[in-house]
């Protein structure tokens, strides 16, 4: 019986872990589903932010956007959402995405 209880305990722990990390799991599973990055819909006014980066990275991003027919802003937005989610800000990201009617898997 103790083996069955251990199995049930392990199963419950695994299910609890999955439930607690469902947003991260969705991000990991959806990250490689298409050629284009996920596009997030944010309600509200758009703003400009100037950033400085390596010239080589800038060329790489430009080349990617041309090759995949996406806007630089969409790529950077998706990268920032993923970065912040991976660095313990998933609650804040989830809050602004739910305020914006959630994220969409639309590509383009």
N, C-alpha and C. Protein backbone atom coordinates (compact mmCIF):
# COMPACT_ATOMS: atom_id res chain seq x y z
N UNK A 1 0.80 -1.20 0.00
CA UNK A 1 0.00 0.00 0.00
C UNK A 1 0.84 1.26 0.00
N UNK A 2 1.97 1.23 0.68
CA UNK A 2 2.78 2.43 0.73
C UNK A 2 3.28 2.82 -0.65
N UNK A 3 3.50 1.84 -1.52
CA UNK A 3 3.93 2.14 -2.88
C UNK A 3 2.84 2.88 -3.63
N UNK A 4 1.59 2.44 -3.45
CA UNK A 4 0.47 3.12 -4.10
C UNK A 4 0.31 4.53 -3.56
N UNK A 5 0.48 4.72 -2.26
CA UNK A 5 0.39 6.06 -1.68
C UNK A 5 1.50 6.95 -2.20
N UNK A 6 2.72 6.41 -2.32
CA UNK A 6 3.83 7.19 -2.86
C UNK A 6 3.55 7.60 -4.31
N UNK A 7 2.99 6.68 -5.08
CA UNK A 7 2.65 6.99 -6.47
C UNK A 7 1.60 8.09 -6.53
N UNK A 8 0.58 7.99 -5.70
CA UNK A 8 -0.47 9.02 -5.66
C UNK A 8 0.11 10.37 -5.23
N UNK A 9 0.99 10.35 -4.24
CA UNK A 9 1.61 11.58 -3.76
C UNK A 9 2.45 12.21 -4.87
N UNK A 10 3.25 11.38 -5.55
CA UNK A 10 4.08 11.89 -6.65
C UNK A 10 3.22 12.45 -7.78
N UNK A 11 2.13 11.76 -8.08
CA UNK A 11 1.22 12.23 -9.12
C UNK A 11 0.60 13.56 -8.74
N UNK A 12 0.15 13.67 -7.50
CA UNK A 12 -0.44 14.92 -7.03
C UNK A 12 0.57 16.06 -7.06
N UNK A 13 1.81 15.78 -6.65
CA UNK A 13 2.85 16.80 -6.68
C UNK A 13 3.12 17.26 -8.12
N UNK A 14 3.16 16.30 -9.04
CA UNK A 14 3.40 16.62 -10.44
C UNK A 14 2.25 17.46 -11.00
N UNK A 15 1.03 17.07 -10.69
CA UNK A 15 -0.13 17.82 -11.17
C UNK A 15 -0.17 19.23 -10.57
N UNK A 16 0.16 19.35 -9.31
CA UNK A 16 0.21 20.67 -8.68
C UNK A 16 1.28 21.54 -9.33
N UNK A 17 2.44 20.95 -9.60
CA UNK A 17 3.52 21.70 -10.26
C UNK A 17 3.07 22.19 -11.64
N UNK A 18 2.43 21.31 -12.39
CA UNK A 18 1.93 21.69 -13.72
C UNK A 18 0.90 22.81 -13.61
N UNK A 19 -0.02 22.68 -12.66
CA UNK A 19 -1.06 23.70 -12.48
C UNK A 19 -0.46 25.05 -12.10
N UNK A 20 0.55 25.03 -11.25
CA UNK A 20 1.19 26.27 -10.82
C UNK A 20 2.00 26.93 -11.93
N UNK A 21 2.47 26.14 -12.88
CA UNK A 21 3.34 26.65 -13.94
C UNK A 21 2.72 26.55 -15.32
N UNK A 22 1.40 26.55 -15.39
CA UNK A 22 0.71 26.35 -16.66
C UNK A 22 1.04 27.43 -17.69
N UNK A 23 1.19 28.69 -17.26
CA UNK A 23 1.52 29.77 -18.20
C UNK A 23 2.89 29.55 -18.82
N UNK A 24 3.85 29.17 -18.00
CA UNK A 24 5.20 28.90 -18.51
C UNK A 24 5.19 27.72 -19.47
N UNK A 25 4.43 26.70 -19.12
CA UNK A 25 4.32 25.52 -19.96
C UNK A 25 3.72 25.86 -21.32
N UNK A 26 2.67 26.67 -21.31
CA UNK A 26 2.05 27.09 -22.57
C UNK A 26 3.05 27.85 -23.43
N UNK A 27 3.83 28.75 -22.81
CA UNK A 27 4.82 29.52 -23.55
C UNK A 27 5.85 28.59 -24.20
N UNK A 28 6.33 27.62 -23.44
CA UNK A 28 7.33 26.70 -23.98
C UNK A 28 6.78 25.85 -25.11
N UNK A 29 5.54 25.41 -24.97
CA UNK A 29 4.94 24.57 -25.99
C UNK A 29 4.57 25.34 -27.25
N UNK A 30 4.20 26.60 -27.10
CA UNK A 30 3.78 27.41 -28.24
C UNK A 30 4.95 28.09 -28.94
N UNK A 31 6.09 28.13 -28.33
CA UNK A 31 7.21 28.90 -28.85
C UNK A 31 7.67 28.44 -30.22
N UNK A 32 7.55 27.17 -30.54
CA UNK A 32 8.10 26.68 -31.79
C UNK A 32 7.02 26.16 -32.74
N UNK A 33 5.82 26.72 -32.67
CA UNK A 33 4.74 26.18 -33.49
C UNK A 33 4.69 26.76 -34.89
N UNK A 34 5.41 27.82 -35.17
CA UNK A 34 5.33 28.40 -36.50
C UNK A 34 6.59 29.14 -36.88
N UNK A 35 6.60 29.65 -38.11
CA UNK A 35 7.75 30.40 -38.59
C UNK A 35 7.80 31.80 -38.01
N UNK A 36 6.64 32.35 -37.71
CA UNK A 36 6.58 33.71 -37.19
C UNK A 36 6.40 33.68 -35.67
N UNK A 37 6.89 34.71 -35.00
CA UNK A 37 6.70 34.74 -33.54
C UNK A 37 5.24 34.98 -33.18
N UNK A 38 4.89 34.63 -31.94
CA UNK A 38 3.56 34.96 -31.47
C UNK A 38 3.37 36.46 -31.51
N UNK A 39 2.16 36.86 -31.79
CA UNK A 39 1.86 38.29 -31.80
C UNK A 39 0.92 38.56 -30.64
N UNK A 40 1.28 39.51 -29.82
CA UNK A 40 0.48 39.84 -28.64
C UNK A 40 -0.35 41.07 -28.94
N UNK A 41 -1.60 41.04 -28.50
CA UNK A 41 -2.49 42.19 -28.68
C UNK A 41 -2.57 42.96 -27.37
N UNK A 42 -2.07 44.16 -27.40
CA UNK A 42 -2.15 45.05 -26.26
C UNK A 42 -3.09 46.19 -26.61
N UNK A 43 -4.06 46.45 -25.74
CA UNK A 43 -4.97 47.56 -25.95
C UNK A 43 -4.29 48.83 -25.48
N UNK A 44 -4.55 49.90 -26.18
CA UNK A 44 -4.01 51.18 -25.76
C UNK A 44 -3.08 51.77 -26.80
N UNK A 45 -2.61 52.93 -26.43
CA UNK A 45 -1.73 53.69 -27.30
C UNK A 45 -0.37 53.02 -27.41
N UNK A 46 0.20 53.04 -28.59
CA UNK A 46 1.55 52.51 -28.79
C UNK A 46 2.56 53.62 -28.51
N UNK A 47 3.73 53.23 -28.08
CA UNK A 47 4.75 54.18 -27.70
C UNK A 47 6.08 53.80 -28.35
N UNK A 48 6.94 54.78 -28.47
CA UNK A 48 8.27 54.55 -29.02
C UNK A 48 9.27 54.39 -27.89
N UNK A 49 10.17 53.43 -28.04
CA UNK A 49 11.24 53.23 -27.07
C UNK A 49 12.53 53.04 -27.86
N UNK A 50 13.50 53.88 -27.60
CA UNK A 50 14.79 53.76 -28.28
C UNK A 50 15.69 52.84 -27.46
N UNK A 51 16.26 51.87 -28.12
CA UNK A 51 17.20 50.96 -27.46
C UNK A 51 18.49 50.90 -28.26
N UNK A 52 19.58 50.66 -27.57
CA UNK A 52 20.87 50.50 -28.23
C UNK A 52 21.26 49.04 -28.16
N UNK A 53 21.72 48.51 -29.29
CA UNK A 53 22.11 47.11 -29.35
C UNK A 53 23.28 46.96 -30.31
N UNK A 54 23.85 45.81 -30.30
CA UNK A 54 24.94 45.49 -31.21
C UNK A 54 24.48 45.66 -32.65
N UNK A 55 25.36 46.19 -33.48
CA UNK A 55 25.03 46.37 -34.89
C UNK A 55 24.76 45.01 -35.54
N UNK A 56 25.52 44.00 -35.13
CA UNK A 56 25.31 42.66 -35.69
C UNK A 56 23.93 42.11 -35.33
N UNK A 57 23.50 42.35 -34.09
CA UNK A 57 22.16 41.92 -33.68
C UNK A 57 21.09 42.69 -34.45
N UNK A 58 21.31 43.97 -34.65
CA UNK A 58 20.37 44.80 -35.42
C UNK A 58 20.22 44.25 -36.83
N UNK A 59 21.32 43.93 -37.48
CA UNK A 59 21.24 43.37 -38.84
C UNK A 59 20.52 42.02 -38.83
N UNK A 60 20.79 41.22 -37.81
CA UNK A 60 20.15 39.91 -37.71
C UNK A 60 18.64 40.06 -37.57
N UNK A 61 18.20 40.98 -36.72
CA UNK A 61 16.77 41.21 -36.53
C UNK A 61 16.14 41.72 -37.83
N UNK A 62 16.79 42.66 -38.49
CA UNK A 62 16.28 43.18 -39.76
C UNK A 62 16.14 42.08 -40.79
N UNK A 63 17.16 41.24 -40.89
CA UNK A 63 17.14 40.13 -41.85
C UNK A 63 16.00 39.16 -41.53
N UNK A 64 15.82 38.85 -40.25
CA UNK A 64 14.74 37.95 -39.84
C UNK A 64 13.38 38.53 -40.23
N UNK A 65 13.20 39.82 -39.95
CA UNK A 65 11.91 40.46 -40.24
C UNK A 65 11.61 40.48 -41.73
N UNK A 66 12.62 40.72 -42.53
CA UNK A 66 12.42 40.72 -43.98
C UNK A 66 12.09 39.31 -44.46
N UNK A 67 12.87 38.34 -44.00
CA UNK A 67 12.68 36.96 -44.43
C UNK A 67 11.33 36.38 -44.01
N UNK A 68 10.84 36.76 -42.83
CA UNK A 68 9.59 36.21 -42.31
C UNK A 68 8.40 37.17 -42.43
N UNK A 69 8.63 38.30 -43.06
CA UNK A 69 7.57 39.29 -43.30
C UNK A 69 6.83 39.67 -42.01
N UNK A 70 7.60 40.07 -41.01
CA UNK A 70 7.03 40.54 -39.75
C UNK A 70 7.62 41.91 -39.43
N UNK A 71 6.92 42.62 -38.56
CA UNK A 71 7.38 43.94 -38.15
C UNK A 71 8.38 43.80 -37.00
N UNK A 72 9.37 44.67 -37.01
CA UNK A 72 10.38 44.66 -35.96
C UNK A 72 9.72 44.83 -34.58
N UNK A 73 8.74 45.71 -34.48
CA UNK A 73 8.07 45.95 -33.21
C UNK A 73 7.40 44.70 -32.66
N UNK A 74 6.80 43.90 -33.56
CA UNK A 74 6.15 42.66 -33.11
C UNK A 74 7.18 41.65 -32.59
N UNK A 75 8.34 41.57 -33.25
CA UNK A 75 9.38 40.65 -32.81
C UNK A 75 9.93 41.08 -31.45
N UNK A 76 10.21 42.36 -31.30
CA UNK A 76 10.77 42.87 -30.05
C UNK A 76 9.73 42.73 -28.93
N UNK A 77 8.47 43.04 -29.22
CA UNK A 77 7.41 42.90 -28.22
C UNK A 77 7.31 41.45 -27.74
N UNK A 78 7.29 40.50 -28.67
CA UNK A 78 7.20 39.09 -28.31
C UNK A 78 8.43 38.65 -27.51
N UNK A 79 9.60 39.13 -27.92
CA UNK A 79 10.84 38.78 -27.20
C UNK A 79 10.81 39.34 -25.78
N UNK A 80 10.31 40.54 -25.60
CA UNK A 80 10.25 41.14 -24.27
C UNK A 80 9.24 40.39 -23.39
N UNK A 81 8.10 40.01 -23.95
CA UNK A 81 7.11 39.25 -23.18
C UNK A 81 7.73 37.92 -22.74
N UNK A 82 8.40 37.24 -23.65
CA UNK A 82 9.03 35.97 -23.31
C UNK A 82 10.13 36.17 -22.25
N UNK A 83 10.95 37.18 -22.42
CA UNK A 83 12.03 37.46 -21.47
C UNK A 83 11.48 37.75 -20.07
N UNK A 84 10.51 38.63 -20.00
CA UNK A 84 9.94 38.98 -18.70
C UNK A 84 9.22 37.80 -18.05
N UNK A 85 8.57 36.99 -18.86
CA UNK A 85 7.90 35.80 -18.34
C UNK A 85 8.91 34.82 -17.75
N UNK A 86 10.02 34.65 -18.42
CA UNK A 86 11.05 33.72 -17.94
C UNK A 86 11.80 34.25 -16.73
N UNK A 87 11.70 35.54 -16.48
CA UNK A 87 12.43 36.13 -15.36
C UNK A 87 11.49 36.61 -14.25
N UNK A 88 10.52 35.73 -13.94
CA UNK A 88 9.68 35.91 -12.75
C UNK A 88 8.67 37.05 -12.83
N UNK A 89 8.36 37.55 -14.02
CA UNK A 89 7.37 38.61 -14.16
C UNK A 89 6.12 38.10 -14.86
N UNK A 90 5.91 36.80 -14.85
CA UNK A 90 4.78 36.22 -15.57
C UNK A 90 3.44 36.73 -15.05
N UNK A 91 3.35 37.00 -13.74
CA UNK A 91 2.09 37.53 -13.19
C UNK A 91 1.77 38.90 -13.78
N UNK A 92 2.79 39.74 -13.88
CA UNK A 92 2.57 41.09 -14.43
C UNK A 92 2.24 41.02 -15.92
N UNK A 93 2.92 40.14 -16.64
CA UNK A 93 2.63 39.97 -18.06
C UNK A 93 1.22 39.44 -18.24
N UNK A 94 0.84 38.44 -17.45
CA UNK A 94 -0.51 37.88 -17.53
C UNK A 94 -1.56 38.94 -17.25
N UNK A 95 -1.26 39.82 -16.30
CA UNK A 95 -2.22 40.88 -15.96
C UNK A 95 -2.44 41.84 -17.12
N UNK A 96 -1.38 42.26 -17.78
CA UNK A 96 -1.60 43.21 -18.89
C UNK A 96 -2.15 42.52 -20.12
N UNK A 97 -1.83 41.24 -20.29
CA UNK A 97 -2.42 40.52 -21.42
C UNK A 97 -3.90 40.27 -21.19
N UNK A 98 -4.30 39.97 -19.96
CA UNK A 98 -5.72 39.75 -19.70
C UNK A 98 -6.49 41.07 -19.79
N UNK A 99 -5.83 42.18 -19.44
CA UNK A 99 -6.44 43.50 -19.63
C UNK A 99 -6.60 43.81 -21.11
N UNK A 100 -5.76 43.19 -21.93
CA UNK A 100 -5.77 43.44 -23.37
C UNK A 100 -6.49 42.33 -24.13
N UNK A 101 -7.34 41.59 -23.46
CA UNK A 101 -8.08 40.47 -24.06
C UNK A 101 -7.18 39.31 -24.42
N UNK A 102 -6.07 39.16 -23.76
CA UNK A 102 -5.22 37.99 -23.92
C UNK A 102 -4.33 38.04 -25.14
N UNK A 103 -3.52 36.97 -25.28
CA UNK A 103 -2.62 36.92 -26.41
C UNK A 103 -3.24 36.08 -27.52
N UNK A 104 -2.77 36.32 -28.70
CA UNK A 104 -3.28 35.58 -29.83
C UNK A 104 -2.14 34.84 -30.50
N UNK A 105 -2.43 33.71 -31.05
CA UNK A 105 -1.44 32.96 -31.78
C UNK A 105 -1.37 33.36 -33.24
N UNK A 106 -2.11 34.41 -33.62
CA UNK A 106 -2.11 34.86 -35.00
C UNK A 106 -0.71 35.25 -35.39
N UNK A 107 -0.32 34.92 -36.60
CA UNK A 107 1.02 35.24 -37.07
C UNK A 107 0.90 36.22 -38.22
N UNK A 108 0.91 37.47 -37.93
CA UNK A 108 0.88 38.40 -39.04
C UNK A 108 -0.11 39.43 -38.83
